[in-house]
Amino acid sequence: MPTIGTERHQRRPARKRFGQHFLERPWAEKVVRAIAPLPDQTFFEIGPGRGAITALLAASARRLIAFEIDRDLAAALRRDGPETVKVVEGDFLTITPDRVRQEMTDRDHPAEAIRVAGNLPYNVASPILFKLVELYEAGIPLLDATVMLQREVAIRLLASPGTKDYGVLTILIGRHATIEQLLQLPAGAFRPVPKVQSTLVRLRFHSPHPPVGDEHVFESLTQAIFTRRRKTLANALLAYPLKPHQSALKLLAAAALDPQRRPETLTLEELSRLADAISVGDSPTPFR
């Protein structure tokens, strides 16, 4: 199956402001084999570009909704793409859960679960991952997301506690999805050739785990203490706005954490305990 779009669109230079790097056909085939679409499945594709992955997915899946920010590429895809492809023009980062539900509405093809695919622009890959988590938490039935990322971003997603790549992205995405690496791609798999290498990963979404009493406290705490990732926990907690009656040492004791440890060594479970200790400690009563 050819790539979607006229010859003029196939030759059109990539637009730097959209971070466009188009996947070559042989690699698109490898990516779709790794995605493994089934005939009864519905897909969201983020950034279909010239349609290298789009055409292959559309040939295998029941239905595909493609989100494209580039109006020229969206027009080409809408004009030349298969009937099973619905094109939504605009920035995926601005889409709301209600808009997603609206685009999913199809009496002939109700979507019980959505799979996501995408060759994500490097400059907005992390925000798109957080957008997917936001949509899942809002009730959009996302089953998984198979996405192309800059290799350094994939390494951060897959990092373990105590390593230099372990951080906020690892933790906040890792609470909402299990992540596996599927495929490594060289820079030459794309046109124009980027200065970095890429990795295909799959995120399987699930309810936040471990659970916490206050999601906002967990996220704010994680972001705060990782600004001092190599400091002791007793020191790093100074970056978080504790209440006047709260003591960093008492909170760490309540969470059974050594104050001499560093934030970068904490597991998800340990961070959850600390967040819950802070949430419970909102009232001064426990510390009187």
Protein backbone atom coordinates (compact mmCIF):
# COMPACT_ATOMS: atom_id res chain seq x y z
CA MET A 1 0.00 0.00 0.00
CA PRO A 2 1.48 3.39 -0.95
CA THR A 3 2.04 6.22 1.44
CA ILE A 4 -0.97 8.54 1.61
CA GLY A 5 -0.89 11.88 -0.20
CA THR A 6 -0.03 13.35 -3.57
CA GLU A 7 3.52 13.36 -4.92
CA ARG A 8 3.72 17.07 -4.12
CA HIS A 9 2.91 16.37 -0.46
CA GLN A 10 5.41 13.51 -0.38
CA ARG A 11 8.17 15.87 -1.55
CA ARG A 12 7.13 18.76 0.71
CA PRO A 13 9.93 19.62 3.16
CA ALA A 14 9.37 18.80 6.82
CA ARG A 15 8.40 21.76 8.96
CA LYS A 16 10.82 22.35 11.81
CA ARG A 17 8.24 24.12 13.96
CA PHE A 18 6.23 20.90 14.10
CA GLY A 19 9.31 18.75 14.73
CA GLN A 20 8.57 16.68 11.63
CA HIS A 21 10.71 13.66 10.76
CA PHE A 22 8.94 11.26 8.42
CA LEU A 23 9.39 7.51 8.80
CA GLU A 24 10.72 5.55 5.83
CA ARG A 25 8.46 2.78 4.48
CA PRO A 26 10.57 -0.28 5.52
CA TRP A 27 10.72 1.01 9.08
CA ALA A 28 7.02 1.88 9.07
CA GLU A 29 6.32 -1.77 8.28
CA LYS A 30 8.47 -2.88 11.22
CA VAL A 31 6.70 -0.44 13.52
CA VAL A 32 3.24 -1.65 12.51
CA ARG A 33 4.29 -5.27 12.98
CA ALA A 34 5.36 -4.34 16.52
CA ILE A 35 2.03 -2.58 17.11
CA ALA A 36 0.20 -5.70 15.90
CA PRO A 37 -3.20 -4.17 15.02
CA LEU A 38 -6.23 -6.45 14.86
CA PRO A 39 -9.25 -6.17 12.53
CA ASP A 40 -11.71 -5.33 15.34
CA GLN A 41 -9.61 -2.55 16.90
CA THR A 42 -9.92 1.25 16.83
CA PHE A 43 -6.78 3.40 16.81
CA PHE A 44 -5.82 6.97 17.50
CA GLU A 45 -2.76 8.03 15.54
CA ILE A 46 -0.94 11.13 16.76
CA GLY A 47 0.98 12.97 14.03
CA PRO A 48 0.33 10.79 10.96
CA GLY A 49 2.42 13.09 8.77
CA ARG A 50 2.61 11.72 5.24
CA GLY A 51 0.74 8.60 6.26
CA ALA A 52 3.45 5.93 6.32
CA ILE A 53 2.05 4.28 9.45
CA THR A 54 -1.51 5.44 8.76
CA ALA A 55 -1.90 3.46 5.55
CA LEU A 56 -0.63 0.26 7.14
CA LEU A 57 -2.76 0.63 10.27
CA ALA A 58 -5.86 1.40 8.22
CA ALA A 59 -5.32 -1.78 6.23
CA SER A 60 -5.30 -3.90 9.40
CA ALA A 61 -7.56 -2.16 11.95
CA ARG A 62 -11.29 -1.49 11.89
CA ARG A 63 -11.10 2.27 12.32
CA LEU A 64 -8.47 4.96 12.71
CA ILE A 65 -8.78 8.53 14.02
CA ALA A 66 -5.72 10.56 12.98
CA PHE A 67 -4.77 13.77 14.81
CA GLU A 68 -2.63 16.03 12.61
CA ILE A 69 -1.49 19.58 13.46
CA ASP A 70 -0.22 20.38 9.94
CA ARG A 71 -3.23 21.55 7.93
CA ASP A 72 -1.67 20.67 4.55
CA LEU A 73 -0.89 17.12 5.61
CA ALA A 74 -4.31 16.82 7.25
CA ALA A 75 -5.95 17.92 3.98
CA ALA A 76 -3.94 15.37 1.98
CA LEU A 77 -4.82 12.61 4.41
CA ARG A 78 -8.50 13.59 4.38
CA ARG A 79 -8.55 13.67 0.58
CA ASP A 80 -6.49 10.58 -0.24
CA GLY A 81 -6.76 8.36 2.84
CA PRO A 82 -8.93 5.26 3.25
CA GLU A 83 -12.55 5.70 4.28
CA THR A 84 -11.79 4.10 7.64
CA VAL A 85 -9.53 7.06 8.53
CA LYS A 86 -11.11 10.05 10.26
CA VAL A 87 -8.83 13.10 10.27
CA VAL A 88 -8.92 15.57 13.15
CA GLU A 89 -6.92 18.70 12.39
CA GLY A 90 -5.33 20.50 15.32
CA ASP A 91 -2.90 20.26 18.20
CA PHE A 92 -3.40 17.03 20.15
CA LEU A 93 -2.12 18.75 23.29
CA THR A 94 -5.18 21.02 23.33
CA ILE A 95 -7.77 18.30 22.91
CA THR A 96 -10.25 17.78 25.74
CA PRO A 97 -11.85 14.54 26.91
CA ASP A 98 -15.22 15.82 25.65
CA ARG A 99 -13.75 16.48 22.21
CA VAL A 100 -12.26 12.98 22.14
CA ARG A 101 -15.64 11.50 23.01
CA GLN A 102 -17.20 13.54 20.25
CA GLU A 103 -14.69 12.26 17.69
CA MET A 104 -15.21 8.69 18.91
CA THR A 105 -18.97 8.85 18.35
CA ASP A 106 -19.88 6.40 15.62
CA ARG A 107 -23.06 4.35 15.81
CA ASP A 108 -21.73 1.80 13.35
CA HIS A 109 -18.39 1.38 15.10
CA PRO A 110 -18.66 1.93 18.85
CA ALA A 111 -15.22 1.99 20.48
CA GLU A 112 -14.97 -0.06 23.65
CA ALA A 113 -11.20 0.40 23.83
CA ILE A 114 -8.78 2.63 21.99
CA ARG A 115 -5.21 1.85 21.02
CA VAL A 116 -2.83 4.73 20.32
CA ALA A 117 0.02 4.89 17.82
CA GLY A 118 2.30 7.73 16.91
CA ASN A 119 5.66 8.98 15.72
CA LEU A 120 5.76 11.76 18.30
CA PRO A 121 7.55 15.05 17.60
CA TYR A 122 10.63 15.08 19.84
CA ASN A 123 9.94 18.56 21.19
CA VAL A 124 6.51 17.67 22.61
CA ALA A 125 6.78 13.94 23.28
CA SER A 126 6.71 14.21 27.10
CA PRO A 127 3.68 16.57 27.15
CA ILE A 128 1.84 14.17 24.83
CA LEU A 129 2.52 11.29 27.23
CA PHE A 130 1.05 13.34 30.08
CA LYS A 131 -1.94 14.23 27.86
CA LEU A 132 -2.60 10.53 27.27
CA VAL A 133 -2.53 9.88 31.02
CA GLU A 134 -4.91 12.82 31.51
CA LEU A 135 -7.34 11.40 28.95
CA TYR A 136 -7.18 7.93 30.50
CA GLU A 137 -7.86 9.35 33.96
CA ALA A 138 -10.82 11.27 32.50
CA GLY A 139 -12.42 8.02 31.40
CA ILE A 140 -11.28 7.74 27.77
CA PRO A 141 -10.90 3.97 27.23
CA LEU A 142 -7.24 3.90 26.19
CA LEU A 143 -5.88 0.38 26.17
CA ASP A 144 -2.28 1.12 25.22
CA ALA A 145 -0.06 3.52 23.31
CA THR A 146 2.77 2.45 21.01
CA VAL A 147 4.81 5.56 20.33
CA MET A 148 8.12 6.61 18.83
CA LEU A 149 10.29 8.64 21.18
CA GLN A 150 13.74 10.14 21.22
CA ARG A 151 15.91 7.41 22.72
CA GLU A 152 16.87 9.55 25.72
CA VAL A 153 13.18 9.99 26.61
CA ALA A 154 12.58 6.25 26.35
CA ILE A 155 15.56 5.62 28.63
CA ARG A 156 14.07 7.99 31.21
CA LEU A 157 10.71 6.21 31.04
CA LEU A 158 12.34 2.83 31.65
CA ALA A 159 14.87 3.98 34.28
CA SER A 160 15.25 2.35 37.70
CA PRO A 161 15.59 4.11 41.07
CA GLY A 162 19.13 5.21 41.80
CA THR A 163 20.12 5.76 38.17
CA LYS A 164 20.84 9.17 36.61
CA ASP A 165 17.89 8.87 34.21
CA TYR A 166 15.32 8.11 36.92
CA GLY A 167 13.17 11.15 37.60
CA VAL A 168 9.85 12.94 37.38
CA LEU A 169 8.90 11.51 33.97
CA THR A 170 9.71 7.95 35.09
CA ILE A 171 7.60 8.31 38.22
CA LEU A 172 4.56 10.25 37.04
CA ILE A 173 4.09 8.20 33.88
CA GLY A 174 5.10 4.95 35.59
CA ARG A 175 2.26 5.23 38.13
CA HIS A 176 -0.26 5.14 35.27
CA ALA A 177 1.26 2.72 32.78
CA THR A 178 3.54 -0.26 32.44
CA ILE A 179 6.20 0.45 29.82
CA GLU A 180 8.11 -1.87 27.53
CA GLN A 181 10.68 -1.24 24.83
CA LEU A 182 9.77 -2.73 21.46
CA LEU A 183 12.19 -1.50 18.82
CA GLN A 184 15.31 0.63 18.38
CA LEU A 185 15.46 2.80 15.26
CA PRO A 186 18.54 4.48 13.76
CA ALA A 187 18.49 8.11 12.71
CA GLY A 188 18.50 6.95 9.09
CA ALA A 189 14.99 5.52 9.50
CA PHE A 190 13.63 9.07 9.10
CA ARG A 191 13.63 11.85 6.54
CA PRO A 192 15.01 14.36 7.21
CA VAL A 193 17.56 12.48 9.27
CA PRO A 194 17.39 13.69 12.90
CA LYS A 195 20.45 14.20 15.08
CA VAL A 196 19.18 11.62 17.59
CA GLN A 197 18.15 7.98 17.59
CA SER A 198 14.66 6.74 18.38
CA THR A 199 12.96 4.01 20.38
CA LEU A 200 9.52 2.51 20.00
CA VAL A 201 7.86 1.86 23.36
CA ARG A 202 4.46 0.58 24.46
CA LEU A 203 2.56 2.01 27.40
CA ARG A 204 -0.25 -0.12 28.85
CA PHE A 205 -2.50 2.13 30.91
CA HIS A 206 -3.89 1.19 34.32
CA SER A 207 -5.29 2.84 37.44
CA PRO A 208 -2.66 4.79 39.40
CA HIS A 209 -0.47 2.42 41.37
CA PRO A 210 0.42 2.57 44.12
CA PRO A 211 -2.69 4.51 45.16
CA VAL A 212 -2.29 7.73 47.13
CA GLY A 213 -4.66 9.81 49.20
CA ASP A 214 -4.04 13.01 47.24
CA GLU A 215 -2.79 12.93 43.64
CA HIS A 216 -1.91 16.62 43.67
CA VAL A 217 0.32 16.20 46.73
CA PHE A 218 2.08 13.22 45.13
CA GLU A 219 2.78 15.07 41.88
CA SER A 220 3.83 18.32 43.56
CA LEU A 221 6.05 16.48 46.03
CA THR A 222 7.77 14.49 43.27
CA GLN A 223 8.43 17.58 41.18
CA ALA A 224 9.72 19.52 44.19
CA ILE A 225 12.13 17.02 45.70
CA PHE A 226 13.60 16.07 42.31
CA THR A 227 14.84 19.62 41.95
CA ARG A 228 17.22 18.47 44.70
CA ARG A 229 17.53 14.88 43.60
CA ARG A 230 21.08 14.45 44.97
CA LYS A 231 20.43 16.13 48.32
CA THR A 232 19.34 14.22 51.41
CA LEU A 233 15.59 13.79 51.83
CA ALA A 234 15.68 16.02 54.89
CA ASN A 235 17.17 18.76 52.71
CA ALA A 236 15.14 18.03 49.59
CA LEU A 237 11.85 18.36 51.48
CA LEU A 238 12.69 22.04 51.98
CA ALA A 239 11.74 22.47 48.31
CA TYR A 240 8.17 21.38 49.08
CA PRO A 241 5.80 23.88 50.78
CA LEU A 242 5.20 22.06 54.04
CA LYS A 243 2.68 23.59 56.44
CA PRO A 244 4.15 25.56 59.38
CA HIS A 245 3.26 22.78 61.81
CA GLN A 246 4.84 20.04 59.66
CA SER A 247 8.30 18.70 60.37
CA ALA A 248 10.35 17.12 57.59
CA LEU A 249 11.97 14.67 59.99
CA LYS A 250 8.64 13.61 61.50
CA LEU A 251 7.10 13.14 58.06
CA LEU A 252 10.02 10.99 56.95
CA ALA A 253 9.73 8.94 60.14
CA ALA A 254 5.99 8.48 59.51
CA ALA A 255 6.84 7.21 56.03
CA ALA A 256 9.59 4.93 57.40
CA LEU A 257 12.24 6.68 55.30
CA ASP A 258 15.85 7.41 56.23
CA PRO A 259 16.32 11.22 56.10
CA GLN A 260 19.84 10.67 54.74
CA ARG A 261 18.60 8.98 51.58
CA ARG A 262 18.33 10.87 48.29
CA PRO A 263 15.11 11.45 46.30
CA GLU A 264 16.56 9.67 43.27
CA THR A 265 16.67 6.39 45.23
CA LEU A 266 12.98 6.33 46.19
CA THR A 267 10.65 3.75 44.68
CA LEU A 268 7.07 4.55 43.70
CA GLU A 269 5.86 2.85 46.88
CA GLU A 270 8.18 4.93 49.06
CA LEU A 271 7.18 8.18 47.37
CA SER A 272 3.54 7.23 47.88
CA ARG A 273 4.13 6.68 51.60
CA LEU A 274 5.77 10.07 51.90
CA ALA A 275 2.97 11.81 49.99
CA ASP A 276 0.38 10.16 52.23
CA ALA A 277 2.31 11.19 55.36
CA ILE A 278 2.17 14.78 54.13
CA SER A 279 -1.53 14.54 53.27
CA VAL A 280 -2.41 13.13 56.70
CA GLY A 281 -0.19 15.75 58.28
CA ASP A 282 -2.26 18.63 56.87
CA SER A 283 -3.84 18.78 60.29
CA PRO A 284 -1.49 19.66 63.15
CA THR A 285 -3.17 17.15 65.44
CA PRO A 286 -0.87 14.15 64.71
CA PHE A 287 2.21 16.18 65.65
CA ARG A 288 1.07 17.71 68.95
